[in-house]
């Protein structure tokens, strides 16, 4: 099955393939398929040398990329090579500040035929100095027709299931596939969406109950915030309600602090008040 890309994204990737810059950042919504696109692009450019991914050190924790993992790349990137080699750093915003500074040294001293490809769903978490040294490609969601066609290709025939998938992941092929291939994923997401609905439209009591249920699981809390943001953004399609915009801003701030190891309960409570 061919790679599913928005035409504008495909055009940008084709242009980069002709130049092969030293460093590229692929940014886009969670579920759009950044990792798959990065691997496909790296193989198109030459040899996929290494893939750096976040490490989860405890149950329910949020993965991170430690500085030691980035420093491992130093020796590899010292030598010259005749052919293009690509290192992928997936979820690059999960790098610690020390890891980002370590990567910056590699970006500041380009090695011929050695390329770095970063992916990120939250590029604002990257240092400005890193963002200034990479060429950025915004990976756009695919259109509605392509989403429906893709569901048909992967075997979704039940109309109710199709509508559920399109509601929560329209335009996001990687997320559509993940939810379709594991029913528990769809069930878990449905539960998260119910919590998000109670949080965004329910009473203060319902919001506090939701916070209490999520207070001890950082990963679930982040997925919950993403679900809330999706519902709120959907409600902005035909409106620019200032209250909704403020709630989105509060949730984004809570997400940033939780990612920085802030207290989950306090941060979610701050988004209510």
C-alpha atoms as a PDB file:
ATOM      1  CA  UNK A   1       0.000   0.000   0.000  1.00  0.00           C
ATOM      2  CA  UNK A   2       1.419   3.383  -0.993  1.00  0.00           C
ATOM      3  CA  UNK A   3       2.169   6.113   1.509  1.00  0.00           C
ATOM      4  CA  UNK A   4      -0.857   8.315   2.221  1.00  0.00           C
ATOM      5  CA  UNK A   5       0.092  11.989   1.952  1.00  0.00           C
ATOM      6  CA  UNK A   6      -1.663  15.283   1.498  1.00  0.00           C
ATOM      7  CA  UNK A   7      -0.638  16.617  -1.960  1.00  0.00           C
ATOM      8  CA  UNK A   8       1.052  19.678  -0.435  1.00  0.00           C
ATOM      9  CA  UNK A   9       3.110  17.487   1.898  1.00  0.00           C
ATOM     10  CA  UNK A  10       4.074  15.190  -0.976  1.00  0.00           C
ATOM     11  CA  UNK A  11       5.272  18.180  -3.000  1.00  0.00           C
ATOM     12  CA  UNK A  12       7.432  19.419  -0.114  1.00  0.00           C
ATOM     13  CA  UNK A  13       9.006  15.985   0.408  1.00  0.00           C
ATOM     14  CA  UNK A  14       9.744  15.641  -3.304  1.00  0.00           C
ATOM     15  CA  UNK A  15      11.503  19.015  -3.268  1.00  0.00           C
ATOM     16  CA  UNK A  16      13.604  18.045  -0.246  1.00  0.00           C
ATOM     17  CA  UNK A  17      14.598  14.724  -1.826  1.00  0.00           C
ATOM     18  CA  UNK A  18      16.298  16.675  -4.605  1.00  0.00           C
ATOM     19  CA  UNK A  19      18.385  18.706  -2.120  1.00  0.00           C
ATOM     20  CA  UNK A  20      18.721  16.385   0.910  1.00  0.00           C
ATOM     21  CA  UNK A  21      19.304  19.044   3.581  1.00  0.00           C
ATOM     22  CA  UNK A  22      21.420  18.265   6.634  1.00  0.00           C
ATOM     23  CA  UNK A  23      18.434  18.328   8.996  1.00  0.00           C
ATOM     24  CA  UNK A  24      14.662  18.155   8.541  1.00  0.00           C
ATOM     25  CA  UNK A  25      11.783  18.414  11.003  1.00  0.00           C
ATOM     26  CA  UNK A  26       8.531  16.623  10.164  1.00  0.00           C
ATOM     27  CA  UNK A  27       5.770  18.098  12.314  1.00  0.00           C
ATOM     28  CA  UNK A  28       2.085  17.255  12.422  1.00  0.00           C
ATOM     29  CA  UNK A  29      -0.865  15.985  14.440  1.00  0.00           C
ATOM     30  CA  UNK A  30      -0.586  12.787  16.431  1.00  0.00           C
ATOM     31  CA  UNK A  31      -1.730   9.913  14.229  1.00  0.00           C
ATOM     32  CA  UNK A  32      -0.841  11.503  10.902  1.00  0.00           C
ATOM     33  CA  UNK A  33       1.981   8.982  10.473  1.00  0.00           C
ATOM     34  CA  UNK A  34       5.177  10.958  11.093  1.00  0.00           C
ATOM     35  CA  UNK A  35       7.313   7.915  11.945  1.00  0.00           C
ATOM     36  CA  UNK A  36       6.180   6.016   8.851  1.00  0.00           C
ATOM     37  CA  UNK A  37       6.771   9.035   6.640  1.00  0.00           C
ATOM     38  CA  UNK A  38      10.212   9.575   8.167  1.00  0.00           C
ATOM     39  CA  UNK A  39      11.259   5.961   7.520  1.00  0.00           C
ATOM     40  CA  UNK A  40       9.940   6.043   3.975  1.00  0.00           C
ATOM     41  CA  UNK A  41      11.755   9.331   3.294  1.00  0.00           C
ATOM     42  CA  UNK A  42      15.007   8.142   4.876  1.00  0.00           C
ATOM     43  CA  UNK A  43      15.054   5.009   2.711  1.00  0.00           C
ATOM     44  CA  UNK A  44      14.337   7.184  -0.302  1.00  0.00           C
ATOM     45  CA  UNK A  45      17.362   9.353   0.512  1.00  0.00           C
ATOM     46  CA  UNK A  46      19.805   6.517   1.183  1.00  0.00           C
ATOM     47  CA  UNK A  47      20.611   4.319   4.183  1.00  0.00           C
ATOM     48  CA  UNK A  48      18.549   4.467   7.367  1.00  0.00           C
ATOM     49  CA  UNK A  49      21.395   4.469   9.884  1.00  0.00           C
ATOM     50  CA  UNK A  50      19.597   4.671  13.232  1.00  0.00           C
ATOM     51  CA  UNK A  51      16.242   5.428  14.828  1.00  0.00           C
ATOM     52  CA  UNK A  52      16.190   7.158  18.195  1.00  0.00           C
ATOM     53  CA  UNK A  53      12.923   6.776  20.122  1.00  0.00           C
ATOM     54  CA  UNK A  54      11.758   7.821  23.606  1.00  0.00           C
ATOM     55  CA  UNK A  55      12.485   5.440  26.457  1.00  0.00           C
ATOM     56  CA  UNK A  56       9.784   4.725  29.054  1.00  0.00           C
ATOM     57  CA  UNK A  57      11.416   3.947  32.382  1.00  0.00           C
ATOM     58  CA  UNK A  58       8.353   3.243  34.534  1.00  0.00           C
ATOM     59  CA  UNK A  59       4.752   2.073  34.055  1.00  0.00           C
ATOM     60  CA  UNK A  60       2.434   4.925  33.179  1.00  0.00           C
ATOM     61  CA  UNK A  61       5.382   7.225  32.641  1.00  0.00           C
ATOM     62  CA  UNK A  62       6.054   9.502  29.701  1.00  0.00           C
ATOM     63  CA  UNK A  63       8.875   8.450  27.405  1.00  0.00           C
ATOM     64  CA  UNK A  64      11.953  10.635  27.086  1.00  0.00           C
ATOM     65  CA  UNK A  65      15.175  10.679  25.084  1.00  0.00           C
ATOM     66  CA  UNK A  66      18.169  11.017  27.423  1.00  0.00           C
ATOM     67  CA  UNK A  67      21.360  12.875  26.582  1.00  0.00           C
ATOM     68  CA  UNK A  68      23.345   9.612  26.590  1.00  0.00           C
ATOM     69  CA  UNK A  69      21.305   8.329  23.637  1.00  0.00           C
ATOM     70  CA  UNK A  70      22.123  11.421  21.571  1.00  0.00           C
ATOM     71  CA  UNK A  71      25.808  11.252  22.502  1.00  0.00           C
ATOM     72  CA  UNK A  72      25.888   7.718  21.105  1.00  0.00           C
ATOM     73  CA  UNK A  73      25.475   9.310  17.689  1.00  0.00           C
ATOM     74  CA  UNK A  74      28.719  11.294  17.976  1.00  0.00           C
ATOM     75  CA  UNK A  75      31.116   8.520  16.962  1.00  0.00           C
ATOM     76  CA  UNK A  76      28.805   7.302  14.237  1.00  0.00           C
ATOM     77  CA  UNK A  77      28.579  10.710  12.603  1.00  0.00           C
ATOM     78  CA  UNK A  78      32.305  11.498  12.719  1.00  0.00           C
ATOM     79  CA  UNK A  79      33.352   9.399   9.755  1.00  0.00           C
ATOM     80  CA  UNK A  80      32.825  10.404   6.158  1.00  0.00           C
ATOM     81  CA  UNK A  81      30.596   8.325   3.923  1.00  0.00           C
ATOM     82  CA  UNK A  82      30.160   8.174   0.168  1.00  0.00           C
ATOM     83  CA  UNK A  83      26.411   7.589   0.357  1.00  0.00           C
ATOM     84  CA  UNK A  84      23.637   9.399   2.219  1.00  0.00           C
ATOM     85  CA  UNK A  85      22.919   8.120   5.722  1.00  0.00           C
ATOM     86  CA  UNK A  86      19.907   9.253   7.741  1.00  0.00           C
ATOM     87  CA  UNK A  87      19.358   9.236  11.510  1.00  0.00           C
ATOM     88  CA  UNK A  88      15.723   9.532  12.600  1.00  0.00           C
ATOM     89  CA  UNK A  89      14.900  11.066  15.987  1.00  0.00           C
ATOM     90  CA  UNK A  90      11.258  10.157  16.515  1.00  0.00           C
ATOM     91  CA  UNK A  91       9.210  12.312  18.912  1.00  0.00           C
ATOM     92  CA  UNK A  92      12.165  14.683  19.106  1.00  0.00           C
ATOM     93  CA  UNK A  93      10.325  16.937  21.562  1.00  0.00           C
ATOM     94  CA  UNK A  94      10.771  14.124  24.105  1.00  0.00           C
ATOM     95  CA  UNK A  95      14.487  14.965  24.300  1.00  0.00           C
ATOM     96  CA  UNK A  96      15.640  16.404  27.599  1.00  0.00           C
ATOM     97  CA  UNK A  97      17.140  19.900  27.448  1.00  0.00           C
ATOM     98  CA  UNK A  98      20.581  18.326  27.824  1.00  0.00           C
ATOM     99  CA  UNK A  99      19.839  15.976  24.923  1.00  0.00           C
ATOM    100  CA  UNK A 100      18.639  18.872  22.771  1.00  0.00           C
ATOM    101  CA  UNK A 101      21.813  20.823  23.473  1.00  0.00           C
ATOM    102  CA  UNK A 102      23.827  17.731  22.616  1.00  0.00           C
ATOM    103  CA  UNK A 103      21.988  17.377  19.308  1.00  0.00           C
ATOM    104  CA  UNK A 104      22.579  21.049  18.611  1.00  0.00           C
ATOM    105  CA  UNK A 105      26.324  20.403  18.451  1.00  0.00           C
ATOM    106  CA  UNK A 106      25.749  17.827  15.716  1.00  0.00           C
ATOM    107  CA  UNK A 107      23.524  20.205  13.792  1.00  0.00           C
ATOM    108  CA  UNK A 108      26.062  23.009  14.064  1.00  0.00           C
ATOM    109  CA  UNK A 109      28.838  20.878  12.560  1.00  0.00           C
ATOM    110  CA  UNK A 110      27.329  19.208   9.467  1.00  0.00           C
ATOM    111  CA  UNK A 111      29.027  16.070   8.156  1.00  0.00           C
ATOM    112  CA  UNK A 112      28.767  15.456   4.424  1.00  0.00           C
ATOM    113  CA  UNK A 113      26.143  12.832   3.495  1.00  0.00           C
ATOM    114  CA  UNK A 114      24.943  12.572   7.102  1.00  0.00           C
ATOM    115  CA  UNK A 115      21.353  13.734   7.617  1.00  0.00           C
ATOM    116  CA  UNK A 116      19.063  14.082  10.631  1.00  0.00           C
ATOM    117  CA  UNK A 117      15.307  13.672  10.385  1.00  0.00           C
ATOM    118  CA  UNK A 118      13.301  14.762  13.424  1.00  0.00           C
ATOM    119  CA  UNK A 119       9.602  14.152  13.997  1.00  0.00           C
ATOM    120  CA  UNK A 120       7.453  16.066  16.459  1.00  0.00           C
ATOM    121  CA  UNK A 121       3.818  16.513  17.414  1.00  0.00           C
ATOM    122  CA  UNK A 122       4.797  19.405  19.708  1.00  0.00           C
ATOM    123  CA  UNK A 123       7.589  21.303  17.940  1.00  0.00           C
ATOM    124  CA  UNK A 124       7.213  24.225  20.342  1.00  0.00           C
ATOM    125  CA  UNK A 125       8.920  21.966  22.907  1.00  0.00           C
ATOM    126  CA  UNK A 126      12.111  22.060  20.850  1.00  0.00           C
ATOM    127  CA  UNK A 127      14.745  24.702  21.462  1.00  0.00           C
ATOM    128  CA  UNK A 128      14.485  27.689  19.094  1.00  0.00           C
ATOM    129  CA  UNK A 129      18.127  27.094  18.165  1.00  0.00           C
ATOM    130  CA  UNK A 130      17.252  23.593  16.946  1.00  0.00           C
ATOM    131  CA  UNK A 131      14.208  24.790  15.000  1.00  0.00           C
ATOM    132  CA  UNK A 132      16.364  27.428  13.307  1.00  0.00           C
ATOM    133  CA  UNK A 133      18.770  24.762  12.007  1.00  0.00           C
ATOM    134  CA  UNK A 134      16.253  22.403  10.429  1.00  0.00           C
ATOM    135  CA  UNK A 135      14.037  22.635   7.378  1.00  0.00           C
ATOM    136  CA  UNK A 136      10.453  22.149   8.502  1.00  0.00           C
ATOM    137  CA  UNK A 137       7.768  20.174   6.705  1.00  0.00           C
ATOM    138  CA  UNK A 138       4.229  20.414   8.073  1.00  0.00           C
ATOM    139  CA  UNK A 139       2.632  17.025   7.433  1.00  0.00           C
ATOM    140  CA  UNK A 140      -1.025  17.820   6.779  1.00  0.00           C
ATOM    141  CA  UNK A 141      -3.949  15.431   7.413  1.00  0.00           C
ATOM    142  CA  UNK A 142      -5.325  13.635   4.373  1.00  0.00           C
ATOM    143  CA  UNK A 143      -8.755  14.712   3.113  1.00  0.00           C
ATOM    144  CA  UNK A 144     -12.121  13.142   3.997  1.00  0.00           C
ATOM    145  CA  UNK A 145     -12.391  11.164   0.765  1.00  0.00           C
ATOM    146  CA  UNK A 146      -8.934   9.661   1.250  1.00  0.00           C
ATOM    147  CA  UNK A 147      -9.796   8.716   4.842  1.00  0.00           C
ATOM    148  CA  UNK A 148     -12.948   6.878   3.758  1.00  0.00           C
ATOM    149  CA  UNK A 149     -11.083   5.147   0.939  1.00  0.00           C
ATOM    150  CA  UNK A 150      -8.317   4.101   3.341  1.00  0.00           C
ATOM    151  CA  UNK A 151     -10.807   2.568   5.789  1.00  0.00           C
ATOM    152  CA  UNK A 152     -12.240   0.543   2.935  1.00  0.00           C
ATOM    153  CA  UNK A 153      -8.733  -0.609   1.951  1.00  0.00           C
ATOM    154  CA  UNK A 154      -7.932  -1.868   5.463  1.00  0.00           C
ATOM    155  CA  UNK A 155     -11.216  -3.759   5.679  1.00  0.00           C
ATOM    156  CA  UNK A 156     -13.596  -1.557   7.677  1.00  0.00           C
ATOM    157  CA  UNK A 157     -17.073  -2.523   6.473  1.00  0.00           C
ATOM    158  CA  UNK A 158     -19.307  -1.863   9.482  1.00  0.00           C
ATOM    159  CA  UNK A 159     -20.926   1.564   9.052  1.00  0.00           C
ATOM    160  CA  UNK A 160     -21.056   2.329  12.796  1.00  0.00           C
ATOM    161  CA  UNK A 161     -17.384   1.478  13.244  1.00  0.00           C
ATOM    162  CA  UNK A 162     -16.491   3.577  10.217  1.00  0.00           C
ATOM    163  CA  UNK A 163     -18.307   6.609  11.618  1.00  0.00           C
ATOM    164  CA  UNK A 164     -16.667   6.149  15.028  1.00  0.00           C
ATOM    165  CA  UNK A 165     -13.228   5.990  13.455  1.00  0.00           C
ATOM    166  CA  UNK A 166     -13.839   9.016  11.267  1.00  0.00           C
ATOM    167  CA  UNK A 167     -15.120  11.029  14.216  1.00  0.00           C
ATOM    168  CA  UNK A 168     -11.998  10.523  16.318  1.00  0.00           C
ATOM    169  CA  UNK A 169      -9.312  10.146  13.638  1.00  0.00           C
ATOM    170  CA  UNK A 170     -10.463  11.580  10.316  1.00  0.00           C
ATOM    171  CA  UNK A 171      -7.433  12.586   8.239  1.00  0.00           C
ATOM    172  CA  UNK A 172      -4.994  10.618  10.408  1.00  0.00           C
ATOM    173  CA  UNK A 173      -4.091   7.355   8.629  1.00  0.00           C
ATOM    174  CA  UNK A 174      -1.743   6.004  11.308  1.00  0.00           C
ATOM    175  CA  UNK A 175      -4.371   6.514  14.005  1.00  0.00           C
ATOM    176  CA  UNK A 176      -7.116   5.000  11.841  1.00  0.00           C
ATOM    177  CA  UNK A 177      -4.985   1.896  11.336  1.00  0.00           C
ATOM    178  CA  UNK A 178      -4.030   1.637  15.023  1.00  0.00           C
ATOM    179  CA  UNK A 179      -7.633   1.872  16.176  1.00  0.00           C
ATOM    180  CA  UNK A 180      -8.894  -0.565  13.550  1.00  0.00           C
ATOM    181  CA  UNK A 181      -6.316  -3.271  14.184  1.00  0.00           C
ATOM    182  CA  UNK A 182      -6.795  -3.411  17.961  1.00  0.00           C
ATOM    183  CA  UNK A 183     -10.334  -3.172  19.313  1.00  0.00           C
ATOM    184  CA  UNK A 184      -8.972  -2.385  22.777  1.00  0.00           C
ATOM    185  CA  UNK A 185      -7.436   0.794  21.381  1.00  0.00           C
ATOM    186  CA  UNK A 186     -10.810   1.976  20.102  1.00  0.00           C
ATOM    187  CA  UNK A 187     -12.513   1.027  23.374  1.00  0.00           C
ATOM    188  CA  UNK A 188      -9.849   2.866  25.375  1.00  0.00           C
ATOM    189  CA  UNK A 189     -10.160   5.926  23.175  1.00  0.00           C
ATOM    190  CA  UNK A 190     -13.951   5.846  23.468  1.00  0.00           C
ATOM    191  CA  UNK A 191     -13.585   5.913  27.264  1.00  0.00           C
ATOM    192  CA  UNK A 192     -11.112   8.801  27.034  1.00  0.00           C
ATOM    193  CA  UNK A 193     -13.508  10.696  24.758  1.00  0.00           C
ATOM    194  CA  UNK A 194     -16.322  10.197  27.292  1.00  0.00           C
ATOM    195  CA  UNK A 195     -14.093  11.613  30.012  1.00  0.00           C
ATOM    196  CA  UNK A 196     -13.175  14.514  27.755  1.00  0.00           C
ATOM    197  CA  UNK A 197     -16.844  15.205  27.000  1.00  0.00           C
ATOM    198  CA  UNK A 198     -17.678  15.244  30.733  1.00  0.00           C
ATOM    199  CA  UNK A 199     -14.734  17.535  31.363  1.00  0.00           C
ATOM    200  CA  UNK A 200     -15.525  20.011  28.593  1.00  0.00           C
ATOM    201  CA  UNK A 201     -19.322  20.120  28.885  1.00  0.00           C
ATOM    202  CA  UNK A 202     -20.182  18.629  32.292  1.00  0.00           C
ATOM    203  CA  UNK A 203     -20.658  20.071  35.734  1.00  0.00           C
ATOM    204  CA  UNK A 204     -17.883  21.095  38.098  1.00  0.00           C
ATOM    205  CA  UNK A 205     -18.494  17.846  40.014  1.00  0.00           C
ATOM    206  CA  UNK A 206     -17.971  15.779  36.840  1.00  0.00           C
ATOM    207  CA  UNK A 207     -14.757  17.646  36.074  1.00  0.00           C
ATOM    208  CA  UNK A 208     -13.390  17.059  39.559  1.00  0.00           C
ATOM    209  CA  UNK A 209     -14.338  13.368  39.348  1.00  0.00           C
ATOM    210  CA  UNK A 210     -12.413  13.110  36.075  1.00  0.00           C
ATOM    211  CA  UNK A 211      -9.362  14.797  37.584  1.00  0.00           C
ATOM    212  CA  UNK A 212      -9.452  12.367  40.515  1.00  0.00           C
ATOM    213  CA  UNK A 213      -9.558   9.390  38.119  1.00  0.00           C
ATOM    214  CA  UNK A 214      -6.518  10.632  36.171  1.00  0.00           C
ATOM    215  CA  UNK A 215      -4.377  12.023  38.956  1.00  0.00           C
ATOM    216  CA  UNK A 216      -1.904   9.119  39.108  1.00  0.00           C
ATOM    217  CA  UNK A 217      -1.295   8.319  35.435  1.00  0.00           C
ATOM    218  CA  UNK A 218       0.700  10.890  33.490  1.00  0.00           C
ATOM    219  CA  UNK A 219       0.358   9.160  30.110  1.00  0.00           C
ATOM    220  CA  UNK A 220      -3.428   8.794  30.397  1.00  0.00           C
ATOM    221  CA  UNK A 221      -3.703  12.416  31.517  1.00  0.00           C
ATOM    222  CA  UNK A 222      -1.863  13.591  28.403  1.00  0.00           C
ATOM    223  CA  UNK A 223      -4.083  11.456  26.136  1.00  0.00           C
ATOM    224  CA  UNK A 224      -7.108  12.891  27.936  1.00  0.00           C
ATOM    225  CA  UNK A 225      -5.918  16.469  27.338  1.00  0.00           C
ATOM    226  CA  UNK A 226      -5.426  15.695  23.641  1.00  0.00           C
ATOM    227  CA  UNK A 227      -9.014  14.381  23.492  1.00  0.00           C
ATOM    228  CA  UNK A 228     -10.328  17.534  25.214  1.00  0.00           C
ATOM    229  CA  UNK A 229      -8.410  19.710  22.776  1.00  0.00           C
ATOM    230  CA  UNK A 230      -9.851  17.797  19.834  1.00  0.00           C
ATOM    231  CA  UNK A 231     -13.430  18.283  21.077  1.00  0.00           C
ATOM    232  CA  UNK A 232     -12.907  21.961  21.786  1.00  0.00           C
ATOM    233  CA  UNK A 233     -11.293  22.578  18.400  1.00  0.00           C
ATOM    234  CA  UNK A 234     -14.196  20.815  16.679  1.00  0.00           C
ATOM    235  CA  UNK A 235     -16.568  23.226  18.427  1.00  0.00           C
ATOM    236  CA  UNK A 236     -14.599  26.154  17.011  1.00  0.00           C
ATOM    237  CA  UNK A 237     -15.267  25.198  13.392  1.00  0.00           C
ATOM    238  CA  UNK A 238     -18.338  27.441  13.186  1.00  0.00           C
ATOM    239  CA  UNK A 239     -17.500  29.753  16.047  1.00  0.00           C
ATOM    240  CA  UNK A 240     -14.657  31.702  17.652  1.00  0.00           C
ATOM    241  CA  UNK A 241     -15.966  31.647  21.213  1.00  0.00           C
ATOM    242  CA  UNK A 242     -13.496  33.443  23.478  1.00  0.00           C
ATOM    243  CA  UNK A 243     -14.278  31.110  26.395  1.00  0.00           C
ATOM    244  CA  UNK A 244     -13.390  28.051  24.311  1.00  0.00           C
ATOM    245  CA  UNK A 245     -10.156  29.687  23.181  1.00  0.00           C
ATOM    246  CA  UNK A 246      -9.239  30.378  26.808  1.00  0.00           C
ATOM    247  CA  UNK A 247      -9.965  26.766  27.776  1.00  0.00           C
ATOM    248  CA  UNK A 248      -7.777  25.525  24.936  1.00  0.00           C
ATOM    249  CA  UNK A 249      -4.983  27.793  26.132  1.00  0.00           C
ATOM    250  CA  UNK A 250      -5.381  26.506  29.706  1.00  0.00           C
ATOM    251  CA  UNK A 251      -5.242  22.875  28.567  1.00  0.00           C
ATOM    252  CA  UNK A 252      -2.168  23.504  26.420  1.00  0.00           C
ATOM    253  CA  UNK A 253      -0.472  25.088  29.430  1.00  0.00           C
ATOM    254  CA  UNK A 254      -1.442  22.114  31.618  1.00  0.00           C
ATOM    255  CA  UNK A 255      -0.061  19.719  29.008  1.00  0.00           C
ATOM    256  CA  UNK A 256       3.231  21.602  28.853  1.00  0.00           C
ATOM    257  CA  UNK A 257       3.636  21.481  32.644  1.00  0.00           C
ATOM    258  CA  UNK A 258       2.703  17.785  32.858  1.00  0.00           C
ATOM    259  CA  UNK A 259       5.289  17.007  30.180  1.00  0.00           C
ATOM    260  CA  UNK A 260       7.789  18.911  32.331  1.00  0.00           C
ATOM    261  CA  UNK A 261       6.954  16.519  35.211  1.00  0.00           C
ATOM    262  CA  UNK A 262       4.460  18.810  36.903  1.00  0.00           C
ATOM    263  CA  UNK A 263       1.840  17.421  39.267  1.00  0.00           C
ATOM    264  CA  UNK A 264      -0.958  15.898  37.152  1.00  0.00           C
ATOM    265  CA  UNK A 265      -3.795  16.669  39.560  1.00  0.00           C
ATOM    266  CA  UNK A 266      -2.751  20.287  40.092  1.00  0.00           C
ATOM    267  CA  UNK A 267      -2.292  20.950  36.389  1.00  0.00           C
ATOM    268  CA  UNK A 268      -5.672  19.474  35.441  1.00  0.00           C
ATOM    269  CA  UNK A 269      -7.299  21.451  38.258  1.00  0.00           C
ATOM    270  CA  UNK A 270      -5.709  24.629  36.900  1.00  0.00           C
ATOM    271  CA  UNK A 271      -7.483  23.985  33.606  1.00  0.00           C
ATOM    272  CA  UNK A 272     -10.834  23.912  35.422  1.00  0.00           C
ATOM    273  CA  UNK A 273     -10.425  27.065  37.478  1.00  0.00           C
END
